Amino acid sequence: MVRRSTDPDLTAFDKKVLPSLEEWGWYVISVADEPPFSYSIGLFEHFGHPEIIMFGLDSKRSHGIINDAGRRIREGHKYTAGGRYSDLLKDYVCEFRLVNRTRYDGYLNYALHYYRGSTFPAMQLIWPDKQGRFPWDSSFEERFKADQPLLTEPKGHDAIRQ
């Protein structure tokens, strides 16, 4: 059972987030760590879609990309682990990878609070360098490697497990 805006034990942050999440079906949180990251809350609860986390872009840009994905998901689109998509980041193809649940803590903290545990799936939206190479490619630009810590499942384990 997820948290609701009518729960009696809400924090000040819950009171800010939950009404918007309930109205729109998801909420995006941006974290100003190094590297910065943003993630969704509510996509799984409202649309049966894994939550999305994205690293390394400024919060305005990553927030907008996840919101664009949320709108498409609300309209019935599904992004899949291992799938590559050109509809989210202008002029680039991005890839989704399933996040290993052991990596949620420290990154998807409010989602863990909202879902009352790690019972939800999440996918990392991974962007390529300017030559279209991904962080796991040997020729990926070294200067971008620290921008996208990979929280993903080991290769071959990208199926969504409910």
N, C-alpha and C. Protein backbone atom coordinates (compact mmCIF):
# COMPACT_ATOMS: atom_id res chain seq x y z
N MET A 1 0.84 -1.18 0.00
CA MET A 1 0.00 0.00 0.00
C MET A 1 0.88 1.25 0.00
N VAL A 2 0.60 2.16 -0.87
CA VAL A 2 1.40 3.38 -0.99
C VAL A 2 0.90 4.45 -0.03
N ARG A 3 1.69 5.48 0.12
CA ARG A 3 1.29 6.62 0.93
C ARG A 3 0.25 7.44 0.18
N ARG A 4 -0.65 8.04 0.93
CA ARG A 4 -1.71 8.90 0.36
C ARG A 4 -1.72 10.23 1.09
N SER A 5 -2.23 11.25 0.43
CA SER A 5 -2.30 12.58 1.03
C SER A 5 -3.24 12.63 2.23
N THR A 6 -4.02 11.58 2.41
CA THR A 6 -4.95 11.52 3.55
C THR A 6 -4.37 10.74 4.74
N ASP A 7 -3.16 10.20 4.60
CA ASP A 7 -2.53 9.48 5.71
C ASP A 7 -2.31 10.44 6.88
N PRO A 8 -2.43 9.94 8.10
CA PRO A 8 -2.29 10.82 9.27
C PRO A 8 -0.86 11.20 9.63
N ASP A 9 0.13 10.47 9.16
CA ASP A 9 1.52 10.67 9.60
C ASP A 9 2.40 11.32 8.53
N LEU A 10 1.87 12.27 7.79
CA LEU A 10 2.60 12.87 6.67
C LEU A 10 3.69 13.84 7.13
N THR A 11 4.79 13.80 6.39
CA THR A 11 5.85 14.79 6.60
C THR A 11 5.50 16.04 5.79
N ALA A 12 6.23 17.12 6.01
CA ALA A 12 6.01 18.33 5.22
C ALA A 12 6.25 18.05 3.74
N PHE A 13 7.25 17.23 3.43
CA PHE A 13 7.53 16.89 2.03
C PHE A 13 6.39 16.07 1.44
N ASP A 14 5.84 15.11 2.22
CA ASP A 14 4.68 14.34 1.76
C ASP A 14 3.53 15.28 1.39
N LYS A 15 3.30 16.28 2.22
CA LYS A 15 2.19 17.21 1.99
C LYS A 15 2.39 18.02 0.71
N LYS A 16 3.63 18.20 0.32
CA LYS A 16 3.94 18.91 -0.93
C LYS A 16 3.79 17.96 -2.13
N VAL A 17 4.33 16.77 -2.02
CA VAL A 17 4.43 15.84 -3.15
C VAL A 17 3.13 15.10 -3.44
N LEU A 18 2.51 14.54 -2.43
CA LEU A 18 1.40 13.60 -2.63
C LEU A 18 0.19 14.19 -3.36
N PRO A 19 -0.25 15.41 -3.06
CA PRO A 19 -1.40 15.94 -3.82
C PRO A 19 -1.10 16.07 -5.32
N SER A 20 0.09 16.52 -5.67
CA SER A 20 0.46 16.62 -7.09
C SER A 20 0.56 15.24 -7.73
N LEU A 21 1.17 14.31 -7.03
CA LEU A 21 1.31 12.95 -7.53
C LEU A 21 -0.07 12.34 -7.78
N GLU A 22 -0.98 12.53 -6.84
CA GLU A 22 -2.33 11.97 -6.99
C GLU A 22 -3.09 12.64 -8.13
N GLU A 23 -2.85 13.92 -8.35
CA GLU A 23 -3.53 14.63 -9.44
C GLU A 23 -3.02 14.20 -10.81
N TRP A 24 -1.69 14.12 -10.98
CA TRP A 24 -1.10 13.85 -12.28
C TRP A 24 -0.76 12.39 -12.54
N GLY A 25 -0.59 11.61 -11.49
CA GLY A 25 -0.23 10.20 -11.64
C GLY A 25 1.23 9.92 -11.41
N TRP A 26 2.05 10.94 -11.35
CA TRP A 26 3.47 10.78 -11.04
C TRP A 26 4.01 12.12 -10.56
N TYR A 27 5.21 12.06 -10.02
CA TYR A 27 5.92 13.24 -9.54
C TYR A 27 7.39 13.01 -9.84
N VAL A 28 8.12 14.05 -10.16
CA VAL A 28 9.55 13.92 -10.43
C VAL A 28 10.33 14.66 -9.35
N ILE A 29 11.28 13.96 -8.76
CA ILE A 29 12.17 14.55 -7.76
C ILE A 29 13.55 14.69 -8.37
N SER A 30 14.13 15.87 -8.21
CA SER A 30 15.49 16.11 -8.68
C SER A 30 16.40 16.28 -7.47
N VAL A 31 17.55 15.66 -7.53
CA VAL A 31 18.51 15.67 -6.42
C VAL A 31 19.79 16.33 -6.92
N ALA A 32 20.24 17.34 -6.19
CA ALA A 32 21.41 18.13 -6.60
C ALA A 32 22.71 17.55 -6.06
N ASP A 33 22.86 16.24 -6.12
CA ASP A 33 24.12 15.60 -5.74
C ASP A 33 25.10 15.73 -6.89
N GLU A 34 26.22 15.08 -6.75
CA GLU A 34 27.20 15.02 -7.83
C GLU A 34 27.42 13.55 -8.17
N PRO A 35 26.93 13.04 -9.29
CA PRO A 35 26.23 13.79 -10.31
C PRO A 35 24.77 14.03 -9.93
N PRO A 36 24.15 15.05 -10.54
CA PRO A 36 22.73 15.29 -10.26
C PRO A 36 21.89 14.17 -10.88
N PHE A 37 20.73 13.94 -10.29
CA PHE A 37 19.83 12.94 -10.86
C PHE A 37 18.38 13.30 -10.55
N SER A 38 17.50 12.74 -11.34
CA SER A 38 16.05 12.92 -11.16
C SER A 38 15.39 11.57 -11.29
N TYR A 39 14.26 11.40 -10.60
CA TYR A 39 13.53 10.15 -10.72
C TYR A 39 12.04 10.37 -10.51
N SER A 40 11.27 9.43 -11.02
CA SER A 40 9.82 9.50 -10.92
C SER A 40 9.32 8.73 -9.72
N ILE A 41 8.13 9.11 -9.30
CA ILE A 41 7.38 8.38 -8.26
C ILE A 41 5.94 8.33 -8.75
N GLY A 42 5.35 7.16 -8.75
CA GLY A 42 3.94 7.01 -9.09
C GLY A 42 3.66 6.34 -10.42
N LEU A 43 4.65 6.24 -11.31
CA LEU A 43 4.40 5.60 -12.60
C LEU A 43 3.98 4.15 -12.43
N PHE A 44 4.60 3.46 -11.50
CA PHE A 44 4.25 2.06 -11.27
C PHE A 44 2.86 1.94 -10.65
N GLU A 45 2.60 2.74 -9.65
CA GLU A 45 1.31 2.70 -8.95
C GLU A 45 0.14 3.03 -9.89
N HIS A 46 0.29 4.04 -10.70
CA HIS A 46 -0.84 4.53 -11.51
C HIS A 46 -0.91 3.93 -12.92
N PHE A 47 0.22 3.51 -13.47
CA PHE A 47 0.22 3.05 -14.86
C PHE A 47 0.86 1.67 -15.06
N GLY A 48 1.32 1.04 -13.97
CA GLY A 48 1.95 -0.27 -14.09
C GLY A 48 3.28 -0.21 -14.82
N HIS A 49 3.92 0.95 -14.85
CA HIS A 49 5.18 1.14 -15.55
C HIS A 49 6.30 1.34 -14.54
N PRO A 50 7.48 0.79 -14.77
CA PRO A 50 8.59 1.02 -13.85
C PRO A 50 8.88 2.51 -13.66
N GLU A 51 9.32 2.86 -12.47
CA GLU A 51 9.77 4.22 -12.21
C GLU A 51 11.01 4.47 -13.07
N ILE A 52 11.33 5.75 -13.30
CA ILE A 52 12.45 6.12 -14.16
C ILE A 52 13.43 6.97 -13.36
N ILE A 53 14.71 6.64 -13.47
CA ILE A 53 15.76 7.45 -12.87
C ILE A 53 16.76 7.81 -13.98
N MET A 54 17.28 9.03 -13.89
CA MET A 54 18.21 9.53 -14.90
C MET A 54 19.28 10.37 -14.24
N PHE A 55 20.52 10.16 -14.62
CA PHE A 55 21.68 10.85 -14.03
C PHE A 55 22.34 11.80 -15.02
N GLY A 56 23.06 12.77 -14.46
CA GLY A 56 24.08 13.51 -15.19
C GLY A 56 23.66 14.73 -15.97
N LEU A 57 22.38 15.00 -16.10
CA LEU A 57 21.93 16.21 -16.77
C LEU A 57 21.42 17.18 -15.72
N ASP A 58 21.36 18.46 -16.06
CA ASP A 58 20.86 19.41 -15.08
C ASP A 58 19.41 19.08 -14.74
N SER A 59 18.97 19.49 -13.55
CA SER A 59 17.67 19.07 -13.05
C SER A 59 16.52 19.52 -13.94
N LYS A 60 16.59 20.70 -14.51
CA LYS A 60 15.51 21.17 -15.38
C LYS A 60 15.35 20.25 -16.59
N ARG A 61 16.48 19.88 -17.17
CA ARG A 61 16.44 19.02 -18.37
C ARG A 61 15.98 17.60 -18.03
N SER A 62 16.55 16.99 -17.01
CA SER A 62 16.16 15.61 -16.67
C SER A 62 14.72 15.55 -16.17
N HIS A 63 14.31 16.58 -15.41
CA HIS A 63 12.93 16.66 -14.94
C HIS A 63 11.98 16.70 -16.13
N GLY A 64 12.31 17.51 -17.14
CA GLY A 64 11.48 17.61 -18.34
C GLY A 64 11.43 16.32 -19.13
N ILE A 65 12.56 15.64 -19.24
CA ILE A 65 12.61 14.37 -19.98
C ILE A 65 11.74 13.32 -19.29
N ILE A 66 11.84 13.23 -17.97
CA ILE A 66 11.03 12.24 -17.24
C ILE A 66 9.55 12.62 -17.32
N ASN A 67 9.23 13.90 -17.25
CA ASN A 67 7.83 14.32 -17.41
C ASN A 67 7.31 13.98 -18.81
N ASP A 68 8.13 14.18 -19.84
CA ASP A 68 7.72 13.79 -21.20
C ASP A 68 7.44 12.29 -21.26
N ALA A 69 8.32 11.50 -20.64
CA ALA A 69 8.10 10.05 -20.61
C ALA A 69 6.80 9.74 -19.86
N GLY A 70 6.57 10.43 -18.74
CA GLY A 70 5.34 10.22 -17.96
C GLY A 70 4.10 10.50 -18.78
N ARG A 71 4.11 11.57 -19.56
CA ARG A 71 2.96 11.89 -20.41
C ARG A 71 2.72 10.79 -21.44
N ARG A 72 3.79 10.30 -22.03
CA ARG A 72 3.64 9.23 -23.02
C ARG A 72 3.12 7.95 -22.35
N ILE A 73 3.63 7.67 -21.17
CA ILE A 73 3.18 6.47 -20.43
C ILE A 73 1.70 6.61 -20.08
N ARG A 74 1.28 7.79 -19.63
CA ARG A 74 -0.14 8.01 -19.31
C ARG A 74 -1.01 7.77 -20.55
N GLU A 75 -0.48 8.07 -21.74
CA GLU A 75 -1.21 7.85 -22.99
C GLU A 75 -1.15 6.40 -23.46
N GLY A 76 -0.45 5.54 -22.73
CA GLY A 76 -0.41 4.12 -23.06
C GLY A 76 0.91 3.58 -23.57
N HIS A 77 1.91 4.45 -23.75
CA HIS A 77 3.22 3.99 -24.23
C HIS A 77 3.95 3.26 -23.10
N LYS A 78 4.68 2.23 -23.45
CA LYS A 78 5.50 1.50 -22.48
C LYS A 78 6.94 1.49 -22.95
N TYR A 79 7.85 1.87 -22.06
CA TYR A 79 9.27 1.74 -22.33
C TYR A 79 9.71 0.41 -21.73
N THR A 80 10.61 -0.27 -22.42
CA THR A 80 11.04 -1.59 -21.94
C THR A 80 12.53 -1.61 -21.65
N ALA A 81 12.91 -2.43 -20.69
CA ALA A 81 14.32 -2.61 -20.35
C ALA A 81 15.04 -3.17 -21.56
N GLY A 82 16.15 -2.54 -21.90
CA GLY A 82 16.93 -2.94 -23.07
C GLY A 82 16.51 -2.22 -24.34
N GLY A 83 15.36 -1.51 -24.27
CA GLY A 83 14.87 -0.80 -25.45
C GLY A 83 15.59 0.52 -25.65
N ARG A 84 15.75 0.88 -26.90
CA ARG A 84 16.36 2.17 -27.26
C ARG A 84 15.28 3.05 -27.88
N TYR A 85 15.30 4.33 -27.48
CA TYR A 85 14.23 5.25 -27.86
C TYR A 85 14.80 6.60 -28.28
N SER A 86 14.21 7.16 -29.33
CA SER A 86 14.67 8.46 -29.83
C SER A 86 13.67 9.57 -29.53
N ASP A 87 12.64 9.29 -28.73
CA ASP A 87 11.59 10.28 -28.48
C ASP A 87 11.77 11.09 -27.20
N LEU A 88 12.88 10.92 -26.51
CA LEU A 88 13.04 11.59 -25.22
C LEU A 88 14.15 12.64 -25.17
N LEU A 89 15.22 12.41 -25.86
CA LEU A 89 16.37 13.32 -25.82
C LEU A 89 16.68 13.73 -27.26
N LYS A 90 16.46 14.99 -27.55
CA LYS A 90 16.60 15.50 -28.92
C LYS A 90 17.95 15.10 -29.53
N ASP A 91 17.88 14.51 -30.70
CA ASP A 91 19.05 14.12 -31.50
C ASP A 91 19.84 12.94 -30.92
N TYR A 92 19.32 12.27 -29.90
CA TYR A 92 20.03 11.14 -29.31
C TYR A 92 19.06 9.98 -29.05
N VAL A 93 19.61 8.79 -29.15
CA VAL A 93 18.87 7.59 -28.79
C VAL A 93 19.29 7.22 -27.38
N CYS A 94 18.32 7.02 -26.50
CA CYS A 94 18.59 6.64 -25.11
C CYS A 94 18.20 5.18 -24.92
N GLU A 95 18.72 4.59 -23.88
CA GLU A 95 18.40 3.20 -23.57
C GLU A 95 17.92 3.09 -22.13
N PHE A 96 16.94 2.24 -21.91
CA PHE A 96 16.47 1.93 -20.56
C PHE A 96 17.10 0.63 -20.10
N ARG A 97 17.50 0.59 -18.85
CA ARG A 97 18.00 -0.63 -18.22
C ARG A 97 17.33 -0.78 -16.86
N LEU A 98 16.99 -2.00 -16.52
CA LEU A 98 16.37 -2.29 -15.23
C LEU A 98 17.35 -2.00 -14.10
N VAL A 99 16.89 -1.30 -13.08
CA VAL A 99 17.73 -0.98 -11.92
C VAL A 99 17.71 -2.16 -10.96
N ASN A 100 18.88 -2.53 -10.48
CA ASN A 100 19.01 -3.58 -9.48
C ASN A 100 18.43 -3.06 -8.17
N ARG A 101 17.48 -3.79 -7.59
CA ARG A 101 16.81 -3.33 -6.36
C ARG A 101 17.78 -3.10 -5.20
N THR A 102 18.93 -3.74 -5.22
CA THR A 102 19.92 -3.50 -4.15
C THR A 102 20.54 -2.12 -4.28
N ARG A 103 20.30 -1.43 -5.39
CA ARG A 103 20.87 -0.10 -5.63
C ARG A 103 19.85 1.02 -5.38
N TYR A 104 18.63 0.69 -4.98
CA TYR A 104 17.60 1.73 -4.76
C TYR A 104 17.99 2.69 -3.64
N ASP A 105 18.47 2.13 -2.53
CA ASP A 105 18.77 2.95 -1.35
C ASP A 105 19.87 3.95 -1.69
N GLY A 106 19.64 5.20 -1.36
CA GLY A 106 20.58 6.26 -1.65
C GLY A 106 20.25 7.01 -2.93
N TYR A 107 19.38 6.43 -3.75
CA TYR A 107 18.99 7.08 -5.00
C TYR A 107 17.47 7.26 -5.10
N LEU A 108 16.73 6.22 -4.84
CA LEU A 108 15.27 6.26 -4.98
C LEU A 108 14.61 6.36 -3.59
N ASN A 109 15.19 7.18 -2.73
CA ASN A 109 14.76 7.22 -1.33
C ASN A 109 13.29 7.58 -1.14
N TYR A 110 12.80 8.61 -1.82
CA TYR A 110 11.39 8.96 -1.61
C TYR A 110 10.48 7.89 -2.22
N ALA A 111 10.89 7.26 -3.30
CA ALA A 111 10.10 6.17 -3.86
C ALA A 111 10.02 5.01 -2.87
N LEU A 112 11.11 4.72 -2.18
CA LEU A 112 11.09 3.69 -1.13
C LEU A 112 10.12 4.06 -0.02
N HIS A 113 10.09 5.32 0.33
CA HIS A 113 9.15 5.84 1.34
C HIS A 113 7.71 5.73 0.83
N TYR A 114 7.47 6.18 -0.39
CA TYR A 114 6.13 6.18 -0.98
C TYR A 114 5.56 4.77 -1.10
N TYR A 115 6.36 3.84 -1.62
CA TYR A 115 5.90 2.46 -1.81
C TYR A 115 6.05 1.61 -0.54
N ARG A 116 6.62 2.20 0.49
CA ARG A 116 6.84 1.50 1.77
C ARG A 116 7.72 0.26 1.57
N GLY A 117 8.77 0.43 0.79
CA GLY A 117 9.70 -0.66 0.52
C GLY A 117 10.07 -0.70 -0.95
N SER A 118 10.80 -1.73 -1.33
CA SER A 118 11.34 -1.83 -2.70
C SER A 118 10.51 -2.73 -3.60
N THR A 119 9.20 -2.73 -3.39
CA THR A 119 8.31 -3.62 -4.15
C THR A 119 7.97 -3.10 -5.54
N PHE A 120 8.63 -2.08 -6.01
CA PHE A 120 8.35 -1.47 -7.31
C PHE A 120 9.55 -1.65 -8.23
N PRO A 121 9.32 -1.79 -9.53
CA PRO A 121 10.44 -1.84 -10.48
C PRO A 121 10.87 -0.42 -10.87
N ALA A 122 12.12 -0.28 -11.26
CA ALA A 122 12.64 1.00 -11.74
C ALA A 122 13.60 0.73 -12.90
N MET A 123 13.62 1.67 -13.83
CA MET A 123 14.54 1.58 -14.95
C MET A 123 15.38 2.85 -15.00
N GLN A 124 16.63 2.68 -15.37
CA GLN A 124 17.52 3.83 -15.56
C GLN A 124 17.48 4.23 -17.02
N LEU A 125 17.26 5.51 -17.25
CA LEU A 125 17.31 6.08 -18.60
C LEU A 125 18.74 6.53 -18.83
N ILE A 126 19.41 5.90 -19.78
CA ILE A 126 20.84 6.12 -20.00
C ILE A 126 21.03 6.82 -21.35
N TRP A 127 21.81 7.89 -21.32
CA TRP A 127 22.06 8.67 -22.53
C TRP A 127 23.47 8.39 -23.04
N PRO A 128 23.65 8.52 -24.35
CA PRO A 128 24.97 8.27 -24.95
C PRO A 128 25.82 9.53 -24.99
N ASP A 129 27.09 9.36 -25.35
CA ASP A 129 27.94 10.53 -25.60
C ASP A 129 27.58 11.08 -26.98
N LYS A 130 28.29 12.11 -27.42
CA LYS A 130 27.95 12.78 -28.68
C LYS A 130 28.13 11.90 -29.91
N GLN A 131 28.89 10.83 -29.77
CA GLN A 131 29.08 9.90 -30.88
C GLN A 131 28.08 8.73 -30.82
N GLY A 132 27.15 8.78 -29.86
CA GLY A 132 26.14 7.73 -29.75
C GLY A 132 26.58 6.50 -29.00
N ARG A 133 27.68 6.58 -28.27
CA ARG A 133 28.20 5.43 -27.51
C ARG A 133 27.68 5.50 -26.07
N PHE A 134 27.41 4.34 -25.48
CA PHE A 134 26.88 4.25 -24.12
C PHE A 134 28.00 3.96 -23.12
N PRO A 135 27.75 4.19 -21.84
CA PRO A 135 28.80 4.03 -20.82
C PRO A 135 29.48 2.65 -20.81
N TRP A 136 28.79 1.62 -21.24
CA TRP A 136 29.38 0.28 -21.25
C TRP A 136 30.21 0.03 -22.52
N ASP A 137 30.16 0.94 -23.48
CA ASP A 137 30.98 0.81 -24.70
C ASP A 137 32.41 1.23 -24.38
N SER A 138 33.38 0.50 -24.89
CA SER A 138 34.78 0.77 -24.56
C SER A 138 35.24 2.15 -25.02
N SER A 139 34.63 2.69 -26.06
CA SER A 139 35.05 3.99 -26.57
C SER A 139 34.19 5.15 -26.07
N PHE A 140 33.34 4.91 -25.06
CA PHE A 140 32.51 5.98 -24.47
C PHE A 140 33.43 7.07 -23.94
N GLU A 141 33.04 8.34 -24.12
CA GLU A 141 33.88 9.46 -23.69
C GLU A 141 34.12 9.40 -22.18
N GLU A 142 35.36 9.31 -21.81
CA GLU A 142 35.77 9.15 -20.41
C GLU A 142 35.20 10.25 -19.51
N ARG A 143 35.14 11.47 -20.01
CA ARG A 143 34.69 12.60 -19.18
C ARG A 143 33.23 12.48 -18.76
N PHE A 144 32.44 11.63 -19.42
CA PHE A 144 31.04 11.45 -19.06
C PHE A 144 30.78 10.25 -18.14
N LYS A 145 31.79 9.40 -17.93
CA LYS A 145 31.56 8.17 -17.15
C LYS A 145 31.08 8.44 -15.73
N ALA A 146 31.62 9.45 -15.08
CA ALA A 146 31.21 9.75 -13.70
C ALA A 146 29.82 10.36 -13.64
N ASP A 147 29.30 10.82 -14.76
CA ASP A 147 27.98 11.45 -14.79
C ASP A 147 26.83 10.45 -14.71
N GLN A 148 27.10 9.19 -15.02
CA GLN A 148 26.04 8.19 -15.06
C GLN A 148 26.44 6.92 -14.33
N PRO A 149 26.37 6.90 -13.01
CA PRO A 149 26.63 5.63 -12.34
C PRO A 149 25.56 4.62 -12.78
N LEU A 150 25.98 3.45 -13.15
CA LEU A 150 25.03 2.45 -13.63
C LEU A 150 24.49 1.65 -12.45
N LEU A 151 23.18 1.75 -12.25
CA LEU A 151 22.50 1.02 -11.16
C LEU A 151 21.84 -0.23 -11.70
N THR A 152 22.23 -0.65 -12.86
CA THR A 152 21.51 -1.66 -13.61
C THR A 152 21.80 -3.08 -13.17
N GLU A 153 20.87 -3.94 -13.60
CA GLU A 153 21.01 -5.37 -13.37
C GLU A 153 22.20 -5.89 -14.18
N PRO A 154 22.80 -6.99 -13.73
CA PRO A 154 23.87 -7.60 -14.54
C PRO A 154 23.33 -7.96 -15.91
N LYS A 155 24.20 -7.98 -16.90
CA LYS A 155 23.79 -8.29 -18.28
C LYS A 155 23.00 -9.59 -18.30
N GLY A 156 21.90 -9.56 -19.04
CA GLY A 156 21.06 -10.75 -19.17
C GLY A 156 19.93 -10.81 -18.14
N HIS A 157 19.89 -9.86 -17.21
CA HIS A 157 18.85 -9.85 -16.19
C HIS A 157 17.92 -8.65 -16.34
N ASP A 158 17.75 -8.16 -17.54
CA ASP A 158 16.96 -6.96 -17.76
C ASP A 158 15.46 -7.21 -17.92
N ALA A 159 15.01 -8.41 -17.68
CA ALA A 159 13.56 -8.64 -17.73
C ALA A 159 12.92 -8.05 -16.48
N ILE A 160 11.76 -7.43 -16.65
CA ILE A 160 11.04 -6.86 -15.50
C ILE A 160 10.47 -8.02 -14.68
N ARG A 161 10.88 -8.05 -13.44
CA ARG A 161 10.39 -9.09 -12.53
C ARG A 161 9.44 -8.42 -11.53
N GLN A 162 8.22 -8.86 -11.51
CA GLN A 162 7.23 -8.29 -10.61
C GLN A 162 7.12 -9.16 -9.37
